[in-house]
Amino acid sequence: QVQLVESGGGLVQAGGSLRLSCAASGGPSVNYGMAWFRQAPGKEREFVARISRIVGRAYYADSVKGRFTISRDSAKNMVYLQMNSLEPEDTAVYYCAAGIAPTSYDYWGQGTQVTVSS
């Protein structure tokens, strides 16, 4: 059983940056594909970025490509999402997820709120 805890959310002005962290426990995070999703009020949850298990290849949603960077520190069982050039449209609750099969996630964190003011 993997537990995921997100942190690092907050209020930031448009154009600013935040770094989200996801602490994984209950198993080596390198054995899992890790991802970030987000859900804005009144909208469905959407994929933001993922990093593949073992190799660590990164994939991004078009809406964040070039602005967000996903990374992992396997020694610390941590996954990060560096968010730059934030826009009001990035306002959402951000969730960390983990899974074995590509793009399939079995474990989810509780989420961290990111609010970008214009």
Protein backbone atom coordinates (compact mmCIF):
# COMPACT_ATOMS: atom_id res chain seq x y z
CA GLN A 1 0.00 0.00 0.00
CA VAL A 2 1.48 3.32 -1.08
CA GLN A 3 0.64 6.53 0.72
CA LEU A 4 1.10 9.87 -1.02
CA VAL A 5 1.20 13.27 0.65
CA GLU A 6 1.36 16.47 -1.38
CA SER A 7 2.67 19.81 -0.17
CA GLY A 8 3.81 23.14 -1.56
CA GLY A 9 0.56 24.61 -2.77
CA GLY A 10 -0.44 28.18 -2.07
CA LEU A 11 -1.40 31.56 -3.47
CA VAL A 12 0.82 33.13 -6.12
CA GLN A 13 0.51 35.96 -8.60
CA ALA A 14 0.35 35.30 -12.31
CA GLY A 15 3.83 34.83 -13.70
CA GLY A 16 5.10 33.41 -10.44
CA SER A 17 6.39 29.97 -9.54
CA LEU A 18 5.62 27.19 -7.10
CA ARG A 19 7.13 23.79 -6.48
CA LEU A 20 4.84 20.99 -5.40
CA SER A 21 6.21 17.99 -3.56
CA CYS A 22 4.80 14.49 -3.21
CA ALA A 23 6.16 12.24 -0.48
CA ALA A 24 5.63 8.53 -1.11
CA SER A 25 5.73 5.88 1.58
CA GLY A 26 4.98 2.18 1.67
CA GLY A 27 7.24 1.25 -1.24
CA PRO A 28 10.06 2.60 -3.43
CA SER A 29 8.60 5.31 -5.63
CA VAL A 30 10.97 4.30 -8.45
CA ASN A 31 8.89 1.13 -8.86
CA TYR A 32 5.86 3.21 -9.75
CA GLY A 33 4.94 5.57 -12.49
CA MET A 34 4.18 8.88 -10.82
CA ALA A 35 1.95 11.65 -12.05
CA TRP A 36 0.35 14.95 -11.24
CA PHE A 37 -3.28 15.69 -11.99
CA ARG A 38 -5.37 18.74 -11.22
CA GLN A 39 -9.01 19.58 -10.78
CA ALA A 40 -10.41 23.08 -11.03
CA PRO A 41 -13.80 24.01 -9.56
CA GLY A 42 -16.61 22.73 -11.75
CA LYS A 43 -14.24 20.85 -14.04
CA GLU A 44 -13.13 17.26 -14.39
CA ARG A 45 -9.77 16.12 -13.14
CA GLU A 46 -7.13 16.43 -15.83
CA PHE A 47 -3.66 15.05 -16.43
CA VAL A 48 -0.77 17.47 -15.91
CA ALA A 49 2.47 15.49 -16.05
CA ARG A 50 3.86 12.04 -15.45
CA ILE A 51 7.22 10.40 -15.03
CA SER A 52 7.70 6.78 -16.00
CA ARG A 53 8.85 4.10 -13.59
CA ILE A 54 12.49 3.02 -13.65
CA VAL A 55 13.60 5.10 -16.67
CA GLY A 56 12.06 8.34 -15.47
CA ARG A 57 10.89 9.69 -18.80
CA ALA A 58 8.64 12.74 -18.47
CA TYR A 59 5.41 13.52 -20.31
CA TYR A 60 3.31 16.68 -20.14
CA ALA A 61 -0.10 18.00 -21.01
CA ASP A 62 0.08 20.52 -23.84
CA SER A 63 -1.28 23.23 -21.55
CA VAL A 64 1.75 23.06 -19.24
CA LYS A 65 4.53 22.01 -21.62
CA GLY A 66 7.47 24.36 -21.36
CA ARG A 67 6.26 25.80 -18.04
CA PHE A 68 6.08 22.80 -15.70
CA THR A 69 8.75 20.21 -14.94
CA ILE A 70 8.19 16.89 -13.19
CA SER A 71 11.11 15.22 -11.46
CA ARG A 72 11.80 12.56 -8.88
CA ASP A 73 14.34 11.90 -6.15
CA SER A 74 14.24 8.14 -5.77
CA ALA A 75 16.56 8.17 -2.78
CA LYS A 76 14.07 10.34 -0.89
CA ASN A 77 10.93 8.77 -2.40
CA MET A 78 9.87 12.20 -3.56
CA VAL A 79 8.30 13.52 -6.74
CA TYR A 80 8.20 17.20 -7.59
CA LEU A 81 6.33 19.50 -9.92
CA GLN A 82 8.11 22.77 -10.63
CA MET A 83 5.57 25.24 -11.97
CA ASN A 84 6.80 28.42 -13.63
CA SER A 85 5.01 31.22 -15.47
CA LEU A 86 1.81 30.37 -13.65
CA GLU A 87 -1.47 31.55 -15.08
CA PRO A 88 -4.89 32.01 -13.42
CA GLU A 89 -6.04 29.01 -15.48
CA ASP A 90 -3.61 26.85 -13.48
CA THR A 91 -5.72 27.38 -10.35
CA ALA A 92 -6.81 23.96 -9.13
CA VAL A 93 -6.31 21.28 -6.55
CA TYR A 94 -3.24 19.30 -7.58
CA TYR A 95 -3.05 15.59 -6.88
CA CYS A 96 -0.13 13.22 -6.87
CA ALA A 97 -0.76 9.69 -8.16
CA ALA A 98 1.18 6.42 -8.42
CA GLY A 99 0.70 3.24 -10.39
CA ILE A 100 2.42 0.26 -11.98
CA ALA A 101 0.83 0.19 -15.42
CA PRO A 102 1.56 3.18 -17.67
CA THR A 103 -1.08 5.90 -17.31
CA SER A 104 -3.01 3.81 -14.79
CA TYR A 105 -2.91 5.03 -11.20
CA ASP A 106 -3.88 3.04 -8.15
CA TYR A 107 -2.87 5.43 -5.40
CA TRP A 108 -3.76 9.08 -4.90
CA GLY A 109 -2.87 11.79 -2.46
CA GLN A 110 -5.29 14.17 -0.78
CA GLY A 111 -4.37 17.12 -2.96
CA THR A 112 -2.88 20.56 -2.46
CA GLN A 113 -4.54 23.82 -3.50
CA VAL A 114 -2.83 26.11 -5.99
CA THR A 115 -4.38 29.52 -6.56
CA VAL A 116 -2.99 31.93 -9.15
CA SER A 117 -4.23 35.51 -8.94
CA SER A 118 -4.33 37.81 -11.95
